[in-house]
C-alpha atoms as a PDB file:
ATOM      1  CA  UNK A   1       0.165  -0.358  -0.282  1.00  0.00           C
ATOM      2  CA  UNK A   2       1.449   3.150  -1.435  1.00  0.00           C
ATOM      3  CA  UNK A   3       1.022   6.109   1.686  1.00  0.00           C
ATOM      4  CA  UNK A   4       0.638   9.761   2.055  1.00  0.00           C
ATOM      5  CA  UNK A   5       4.503  11.113   2.236  1.00  0.00           C
ATOM      6  CA  UNK A   6       3.577  13.823   4.014  1.00  0.00           C
ATOM      7  CA  UNK A   7       3.962  13.983   7.967  1.00  0.00           C
ATOM      8  CA  UNK A   8       0.992  13.416  10.553  1.00  0.00           C
ATOM      9  CA  UNK A   9       0.568  15.201  14.121  1.00  0.00           C
ATOM     10  CA  UNK A  10      -1.900  13.429  16.175  1.00  0.00           C
ATOM     11  CA  UNK A  11      -3.649  15.624  18.896  1.00  0.00           C
ATOM     12  CA  UNK A  12      -2.897  12.356  21.336  1.00  0.00           C
ATOM     13  CA  UNK A  13      -4.215  12.146  24.421  1.00  0.00           C
ATOM     14  CA  UNK A  14      -4.231   8.072  24.672  1.00  0.00           C
ATOM     15  CA  UNK A  15      -8.193   7.429  25.101  1.00  0.00           C
ATOM     16  CA  UNK A  16     -10.242   5.592  22.779  1.00  0.00           C
ATOM     17  CA  UNK A  17     -10.833   8.118  20.736  1.00  0.00           C
ATOM     18  CA  UNK A  18      -7.254   9.339  19.609  1.00  0.00           C
ATOM     19  CA  UNK A  19      -5.604   6.298  20.008  1.00  0.00           C
ATOM     20  CA  UNK A  20      -8.494   5.456  17.192  1.00  0.00           C
ATOM     21  CA  UNK A  21      -7.080   8.329  15.237  1.00  0.00           C
ATOM     22  CA  UNK A  22      -3.307   7.529  16.005  1.00  0.00           C
ATOM     23  CA  UNK A  23      -3.955   4.125  14.566  1.00  0.00           C
ATOM     24  CA  UNK A  24      -5.173   5.933  11.561  1.00  0.00           C
ATOM     25  CA  UNK A  25      -2.600   8.478  11.083  1.00  0.00           C
ATOM     26  CA  UNK A  26      -0.300   5.252  10.713  1.00  0.00           C
ATOM     27  CA  UNK A  27      -1.844   3.524   8.765  1.00  0.00           C
ATOM     28  CA  UNK A  28      -2.033   6.174   5.965  1.00  0.00           C
ATOM     29  CA  UNK A  29       1.001   8.944   6.926  1.00  0.00           C
ATOM     30  CA  UNK A  30       4.647   8.215   6.301  1.00  0.00           C
ATOM     31  CA  UNK A  31       5.693   9.850   9.566  1.00  0.00           C
ATOM     32  CA  UNK A  32       3.626  10.419  12.204  1.00  0.00           C
ATOM     33  CA  UNK A  33       4.214  12.611  15.539  1.00  0.00           C
ATOM     34  CA  UNK A  34       1.771  12.681  18.151  1.00  0.00           C
ATOM     35  CA  UNK A  35       1.204  16.113  20.739  1.00  0.00           C
ATOM     36  CA  UNK A  36      -1.351  16.038  23.948  1.00  0.00           C
ATOM     37  CA  UNK A  37      -1.438  19.338  26.710  1.00  0.00           C
ATOM     38  CA  UNK A  38      -1.484  19.102  30.096  1.00  0.00           C
ATOM     39  CA  UNK A  39      -4.486  21.786  30.809  1.00  0.00           C
ATOM     40  CA  UNK A  40      -4.641  20.660  34.946  1.00  0.00           C
ATOM     41  CA  UNK A  41      -7.111  17.888  33.926  1.00  0.00           C
ATOM     42  CA  UNK A  42      -9.292  15.662  36.570  1.00  0.00           C
ATOM     43  CA  UNK A  43      -8.451  13.271  34.421  1.00  0.00           C
ATOM     44  CA  UNK A  44      -4.439  13.653  34.483  1.00  0.00           C
ATOM     45  CA  UNK A  45      -3.709   9.551  34.596  1.00  0.00           C
ATOM     46  CA  UNK A  46      -4.206  10.090  30.731  1.00  0.00           C
ATOM     47  CA  UNK A  47      -1.032  11.702  30.270  1.00  0.00           C
ATOM     48  CA  UNK A  48       0.297   8.483  31.616  1.00  0.00           C
ATOM     49  CA  UNK A  49      -1.254   6.137  29.831  1.00  0.00           C
ATOM     50  CA  UNK A  50      -0.754   7.717  26.608  1.00  0.00           C
ATOM     51  CA  UNK A  51       2.615   7.033  26.992  1.00  0.00           C
ATOM     52  CA  UNK A  52       1.562   3.265  27.474  1.00  0.00           C
ATOM     53  CA  UNK A  53      -0.293   3.079  24.574  1.00  0.00           C
ATOM     54  CA  UNK A  54       2.633   4.400  22.674  1.00  0.00           C
ATOM     55  CA  UNK A  55       5.281   2.035  23.915  1.00  0.00           C
ATOM     56  CA  UNK A  56       2.611  -0.764  22.865  1.00  0.00           C
ATOM     57  CA  UNK A  57       2.091   0.251  19.588  1.00  0.00           C
ATOM     58  CA  UNK A  58       5.353  -0.188  19.152  1.00  0.00           C
ATOM     59  CA  UNK A  59       5.850  -3.277  20.625  1.00  0.00           C
ATOM     60  CA  UNK A  60       2.694  -4.974  18.778  1.00  0.00           C
ATOM     61  CA  UNK A  61       3.121  -3.069  15.253  1.00  0.00           C
ATOM     62  CA  UNK A  62       6.120  -3.415  14.107  1.00  0.00           C
ATOM     63  CA  UNK A  63       5.068  -1.469  10.645  1.00  0.00           C
ATOM     64  CA  UNK A  64       3.689   1.106  12.235  1.00  0.00           C
ATOM     65  CA  UNK A  65       6.419   1.683  14.772  1.00  0.00           C
ATOM     66  CA  UNK A  66       8.633   2.124  11.772  1.00  0.00           C
ATOM     67  CA  UNK A  67       6.792   5.634  11.180  1.00  0.00           C
ATOM     68  CA  UNK A  68       5.988   6.953  14.517  1.00  0.00           C
ATOM     69  CA  UNK A  69       7.817   9.623  15.539  1.00  0.00           C
ATOM     70  CA  UNK A  70       8.808  11.672  18.230  1.00  0.00           C
ATOM     71  CA  UNK A  71       6.057  12.807  20.961  1.00  0.00           C
ATOM     72  CA  UNK A  72       5.521  16.053  22.286  1.00  0.00           C
ATOM     73  CA  UNK A  73       3.769  17.628  25.820  1.00  0.00           C
ATOM     74  CA  UNK A  74       3.171  21.169  25.541  1.00  0.00           C
ATOM     75  CA  UNK A  75       2.203  23.339  29.009  1.00  0.00           C
ATOM     76  CA  UNK A  76      -1.447  24.579  28.539  1.00  0.00           C
ATOM     77  CA  UNK A  77      -1.970  25.139  32.128  1.00  0.00           C
ATOM     78  CA  UNK A  78      -4.149  28.760  31.577  1.00  0.00           C
ATOM     79  CA  UNK A  79      -6.736  26.298  30.661  1.00  0.00           C
ATOM     80  CA  UNK A  80      -7.584  25.822  34.411  1.00  0.00           C
ATOM     81  CA  UNK A  81      -7.750  29.764  34.985  1.00  0.00           C
ATOM     82  CA  UNK A  82      -9.877  30.819  31.939  1.00  0.00           C
ATOM     83  CA  UNK A  83     -11.965  27.224  31.205  1.00  0.00           C
ATOM     84  CA  UNK A  84     -13.759  26.553  34.369  1.00  0.00           C
ATOM     85  CA  UNK A  85     -15.423  22.872  34.026  1.00  0.00           C
ATOM     86  CA  UNK A  86     -15.903  19.979  36.061  1.00  0.00           C
ATOM     87  CA  UNK A  87     -12.894  18.852  33.983  1.00  0.00           C
ATOM     88  CA  UNK A  88     -10.177  21.019  35.690  1.00  0.00           C
ATOM     89  CA  UNK A  89     -11.970  21.329  39.017  1.00  0.00           C
ATOM     90  CA  UNK A  90     -13.567  19.008  41.916  1.00  0.00           C
ATOM     91  CA  UNK A  91     -17.566  19.708  41.403  1.00  0.00           C
ATOM     92  CA  UNK A  92     -20.389  17.571  40.279  1.00  0.00           C
ATOM     93  CA  UNK A  93     -20.798  17.061  36.054  1.00  0.00           C
ATOM     94  CA  UNK A  94     -24.244  18.412  35.362  1.00  0.00           C
ATOM     95  CA  UNK A  95     -25.721  19.855  32.541  1.00  0.00           C
ATOM     96  CA  UNK A  96     -25.592  23.982  32.661  1.00  0.00           C
ATOM     97  CA  UNK A  97     -27.766  26.304  31.858  1.00  0.00           C
ATOM     98  CA  UNK A  98     -27.200  26.948  28.142  1.00  0.00           C
ATOM     99  CA  UNK A  99     -27.750  22.985  28.061  1.00  0.00           C
ATOM    100  CA  UNK A 100     -23.463  22.545  27.695  1.00  0.00           C
ATOM    101  CA  UNK A 101     -22.221  20.219  30.243  1.00  0.00           C
ATOM    102  CA  UNK A 102     -20.447  21.728  32.443  1.00  0.00           C
ATOM    103  CA  UNK A 103     -17.033  19.033  31.374  1.00  0.00           C
ATOM    104  CA  UNK A 104     -16.932  21.755  28.379  1.00  0.00           C
ATOM    105  CA  UNK A 105     -13.653  23.665  28.581  1.00  0.00           C
ATOM    106  CA  UNK A 106     -14.297  26.857  26.090  1.00  0.00           C
ATOM    107  CA  UNK A 107     -11.723  27.673  23.454  1.00  0.00           C
ATOM    108  CA  UNK A 108      -9.748  23.854  24.670  1.00  0.00           C
ATOM    109  CA  UNK A 109     -10.279  22.226  20.642  1.00  0.00           C
ATOM    110  CA  UNK A 110      -9.307  25.479  19.617  1.00  0.00           C
ATOM    111  CA  UNK A 111      -6.598  26.348  21.385  1.00  0.00           C
ATOM    112  CA  UNK A 112      -5.148  22.789  21.176  1.00  0.00           C
ATOM    113  CA  UNK A 113      -5.877  22.459  17.325  1.00  0.00           C
ATOM    114  CA  UNK A 114      -4.237  26.461  17.136  1.00  0.00           C
ATOM    115  CA  UNK A 115      -1.161  25.331  19.002  1.00  0.00           C
ATOM    116  CA  UNK A 116      -0.913  21.909  16.666  1.00  0.00           C
ATOM    117  CA  UNK A 117      -0.655  23.788  13.934  1.00  0.00           C
ATOM    118  CA  UNK A 118       2.293  26.327  15.222  1.00  0.00           C
ATOM    119  CA  UNK A 119       3.613  22.738  16.277  1.00  0.00           C
ATOM    120  CA  UNK A 120       3.493  21.319  12.648  1.00  0.00           C
ATOM    121  CA  UNK A 121       4.707  24.288  11.050  1.00  0.00           C
ATOM    122  CA  UNK A 122       8.223  24.074  13.286  1.00  0.00           C
ATOM    123  CA  UNK A 123       8.402  20.041  12.470  1.00  0.00           C
ATOM    124  CA  UNK A 124       7.424  19.999   8.746  1.00  0.00           C
ATOM    125  CA  UNK A 125       3.754  17.843   9.168  1.00  0.00           C
ATOM    126  CA  UNK A 126       1.502  19.241   7.207  1.00  0.00           C
ATOM    127  CA  UNK A 127      -1.749  17.252   8.831  1.00  0.00           C
ATOM    128  CA  UNK A 128      -3.251  17.800  12.107  1.00  0.00           C
ATOM    129  CA  UNK A 129      -5.283  14.884  12.969  1.00  0.00           C
ATOM    130  CA  UNK A 130      -8.528  15.093  16.117  1.00  0.00           C
ATOM    131  CA  UNK A 131     -10.770  12.638  17.280  1.00  0.00           C
ATOM    132  CA  UNK A 132     -13.488  15.370  17.443  1.00  0.00           C
ATOM    133  CA  UNK A 133     -16.721  14.008  17.164  1.00  0.00           C
ATOM    134  CA  UNK A 134     -20.183  15.462  16.076  1.00  0.00           C
ATOM    135  CA  UNK A 135     -22.012  11.953  16.488  1.00  0.00           C
ATOM    136  CA  UNK A 136     -21.510  10.950  19.635  1.00  0.00           C
ATOM    137  CA  UNK A 137     -20.666  13.303  21.665  1.00  0.00           C
ATOM    138  CA  UNK A 138     -21.063  15.735  24.618  1.00  0.00           C
ATOM    139  CA  UNK A 139     -22.486  18.620  23.065  1.00  0.00           C
ATOM    140  CA  UNK A 140     -19.409  20.403  22.643  1.00  0.00           C
ATOM    141  CA  UNK A 141     -19.377  23.054  20.395  1.00  0.00           C
ATOM    142  CA  UNK A 142     -15.612  23.128  19.077  1.00  0.00           C
ATOM    143  CA  UNK A 143     -16.222  19.665  17.973  1.00  0.00           C
ATOM    144  CA  UNK A 144     -18.330  20.108  15.153  1.00  0.00           C
ATOM    145  CA  UNK A 145     -17.231  19.925  11.473  1.00  0.00           C
ATOM    146  CA  UNK A 146     -18.122  23.077  10.602  1.00  0.00           C
ATOM    147  CA  UNK A 147     -16.257  24.801  13.297  1.00  0.00           C
ATOM    148  CA  UNK A 148     -13.111  22.478  12.896  1.00  0.00           C
ATOM    149  CA  UNK A 149     -13.514  23.755   8.550  1.00  0.00           C
ATOM    150  CA  UNK A 150     -13.570  27.098   9.550  1.00  0.00           C
ATOM    151  CA  UNK A 151     -10.114  26.677  11.888  1.00  0.00           C
ATOM    152  CA  UNK A 152      -8.505  24.607   8.856  1.00  0.00           C
ATOM    153  CA  UNK A 153      -9.077  27.516   6.947  1.00  0.00           C
ATOM    154  CA  UNK A 154      -7.883  29.791   9.581  1.00  0.00           C
ATOM    155  CA  UNK A 155      -4.791  28.081  10.330  1.00  0.00           C
ATOM    156  CA  UNK A 156      -3.978  27.813   6.509  1.00  0.00           C
ATOM    157  CA  UNK A 157      -3.924  31.491   6.329  1.00  0.00           C
ATOM    158  CA  UNK A 158      -2.368  32.108   9.282  1.00  0.00           C
ATOM    159  CA  UNK A 159       0.710  30.015   8.534  1.00  0.00           C
ATOM    160  CA  UNK A 160       0.447  30.851   5.184  1.00  0.00           C
ATOM    161  CA  UNK A 161       1.036  27.516   4.101  1.00  0.00           C
ATOM    162  CA  UNK A 162      -1.652  24.376   3.568  1.00  0.00           C
ATOM    163  CA  UNK A 163      -2.139  22.886   6.794  1.00  0.00           C
ATOM    164  CA  UNK A 164      -5.262  19.951   6.281  1.00  0.00           C
ATOM    165  CA  UNK A 165      -6.998  18.870   8.968  1.00  0.00           C
ATOM    166  CA  UNK A 166      -8.521  15.361   9.599  1.00  0.00           C
ATOM    167  CA  UNK A 167     -10.862  13.984  11.851  1.00  0.00           C
ATOM    168  CA  UNK A 168     -11.648  10.410  10.968  1.00  0.00           C
ATOM    169  CA  UNK A 169     -14.059  10.029  13.342  1.00  0.00           C
ATOM    170  CA  UNK A 170     -16.332  13.222  13.229  1.00  0.00           C
ATOM    171  CA  UNK A 171     -19.340  11.064  11.937  1.00  0.00           C
ATOM    172  CA  UNK A 172     -18.597   7.665  13.233  1.00  0.00           C
ATOM    173  CA  UNK A 173     -20.794   6.478  16.463  1.00  0.00           C
ATOM    174  CA  UNK A 174     -18.851   5.269  19.523  1.00  0.00           C
ATOM    175  CA  UNK A 175     -20.022   1.372  18.373  1.00  0.00           C
ATOM    176  CA  UNK A 176     -18.441   2.292  14.460  1.00  0.00           C
ATOM    177  CA  UNK A 177     -15.343   3.886  16.281  1.00  0.00           C
ATOM    178  CA  UNK A 178     -14.942   0.093  17.735  1.00  0.00           C
ATOM    179  CA  UNK A 179     -15.258  -0.863  14.506  1.00  0.00           C
ATOM    180  CA  UNK A 180     -12.846   1.181  12.795  1.00  0.00           C
ATOM    181  CA  UNK A 181     -10.374   0.076  15.371  1.00  0.00           C
ATOM    182  CA  UNK A 182     -10.852  -3.879  15.062  1.00  0.00           C
ATOM    183  CA  UNK A 183     -10.483  -2.958  11.027  1.00  0.00           C
ATOM    184  CA  UNK A 184      -7.053  -0.888  11.489  1.00  0.00           C
ATOM    185  CA  UNK A 185      -4.927  -3.362  13.948  1.00  0.00           C
ATOM    186  CA  UNK A 186      -7.764  -6.253  14.490  1.00  0.00           C
ATOM    187  CA  UNK A 187      -7.954  -7.956  17.587  1.00  0.00           C
ATOM    188  CA  UNK A 188      -4.703  -6.564  18.560  1.00  0.00           C
ATOM    189  CA  UNK A 189      -5.826  -3.045  18.728  1.00  0.00           C
ATOM    190  CA  UNK A 190      -9.181  -3.649  20.509  1.00  0.00           C
ATOM    191  CA  UNK A 191      -7.193  -5.251  23.480  1.00  0.00           C
ATOM    192  CA  UNK A 192      -5.143  -2.235  23.095  1.00  0.00           C
ATOM    193  CA  UNK A 193      -7.813   0.156  24.051  1.00  0.00           C
ATOM    194  CA  UNK A 194      -9.486  -2.113  26.032  1.00  0.00           C
ATOM    195  CA  UNK A 195      -6.185  -2.216  28.719  1.00  0.00           C
ATOM    196  CA  UNK A 196      -4.296   0.688  28.003  1.00  0.00           C
ATOM    197  CA  UNK A 197      -6.145   4.016  27.020  1.00  0.00           C
ATOM    198  CA  UNK A 198      -7.670   6.019  29.281  1.00  0.00           C
ATOM    199  CA  UNK A 199     -11.386   7.949  29.023  1.00  0.00           C
ATOM    200  CA  UNK A 200     -12.883   8.175  32.404  1.00  0.00           C
ATOM    201  CA  UNK A 201     -13.432  12.380  33.237  1.00  0.00           C
ATOM    202  CA  UNK A 202     -13.132  11.475  37.009  1.00  0.00           C
ATOM    203  CA  UNK A 203      -9.530  10.010  36.387  1.00  0.00           C
ATOM    204  CA  UNK A 204     -10.251   5.559  37.529  1.00  0.00           C
ATOM    205  CA  UNK A 205      -8.570   3.094  36.463  1.00  0.00           C
ATOM    206  CA  UNK A 206      -9.240   0.929  39.661  1.00  0.00           C
ATOM    207  CA  UNK A 207     -12.251  -1.273  38.015  1.00  0.00           C
ATOM    208  CA  UNK A 208     -11.702  -3.459  34.809  1.00  0.00           C
ATOM    209  CA  UNK A 209     -15.045  -3.198  32.738  1.00  0.00           C
ATOM    210  CA  UNK A 210     -15.618  -5.272  29.325  1.00  0.00           C
ATOM    211  CA  UNK A 211     -14.663  -2.211  28.052  1.00  0.00           C
ATOM    212  CA  UNK A 212     -12.056  -1.414  29.851  1.00  0.00           C
ATOM    213  CA  UNK A 213     -11.235   0.905  33.278  1.00  0.00           C
ATOM    214  CA  UNK A 214     -12.964   3.727  34.686  1.00  0.00           C
ATOM    215  CA  UNK A 215     -15.240   5.092  37.219  1.00  0.00           C
ATOM    216  CA  UNK A 216     -18.593   3.152  34.805  1.00  0.00           C
ATOM    217  CA  UNK A 217     -20.817   6.234  35.472  1.00  0.00           C
ATOM    218  CA  UNK A 218     -19.329   9.917  34.086  1.00  0.00           C
ATOM    219  CA  UNK A 219     -20.582  10.551  30.581  1.00  0.00           C
ATOM    220  CA  UNK A 220     -17.390   9.634  29.449  1.00  0.00           C
ATOM    221  CA  UNK A 221     -17.367   6.062  30.650  1.00  0.00           C
ATOM    222  CA  UNK A 222     -21.172   5.702  29.483  1.00  0.00           C
ATOM    223  CA  UNK A 223     -20.565   6.412  25.841  1.00  0.00           C
ATOM    224  CA  UNK A 224     -17.797   4.281  25.792  1.00  0.00           C
ATOM    225  CA  UNK A 225     -19.301   1.164  27.436  1.00  0.00           C
ATOM    226  CA  UNK A 226     -22.494   1.915  25.038  1.00  0.00           C
ATOM    227  CA  UNK A 227     -20.738   2.081  22.350  1.00  0.00           C
ATOM    228  CA  UNK A 228     -18.673  -0.889  22.961  1.00  0.00           C
ATOM    229  CA  UNK A 229     -21.854  -3.274  23.642  1.00  0.00           C
ATOM    230  CA  UNK A 230     -23.689  -1.937  20.430  1.00  0.00           C
ATOM    231  CA  UNK A 231     -20.248  -2.454  18.654  1.00  0.00           C
ATOM    232  CA  UNK A 232     -20.298  -6.313  20.464  1.00  0.00           C
ATOM    233  CA  UNK A 233     -24.022  -6.569  19.389  1.00  0.00           C
ATOM    234  CA  UNK A 234     -23.356  -6.295  15.773  1.00  0.00           C
ATOM    235  CA  UNK A 235     -20.179  -8.064  15.403  1.00  0.00           C
END
């Protein structure tokens, strides 16, 4: 299979979605680097899990290992100052008056992608890959396809170079995301997702469920569990 010769930079948190996107990028591009952000998230354990996921990908998928390049971790603690939410402070997860969940961190994905674009420019990458999705998501406006298309234009203009923003999960359900992972990496990738990726908003990894580790009741766990069950029933 001929691969796109460009370098891709994957926004990689170590969760189910970003891990699937990393596999997707490794299957397509000649070189892939990863970037993550420390923004004071309650589930900061994801920053440790992501390193394990990268190591397991190298171990289990030799062909991908040859294309997996450097990892970058950026300090974005300022988000905790301006984006007071249930992802950055200890509070019960609930809907706000505007209809959005209080796990919404205003501007998070906009900042993530803008910084990723600047990093990509310096690293010689021209493709950004993110796991944003508007099918099974929590109502976040910065996950919508129109938002990201507009940002792609803005980044390309602001950097004076074409920047492609790929969102392979944009119109997939969580069940379809499990299917995509299986198509990309078979049972080995599915097992990697279950054992090593992290999604739980509360950062819980004490209890293992059929779909992975987590508290089992936060919105992220509920969505992941429902998607896994739907994927299993449809196989």
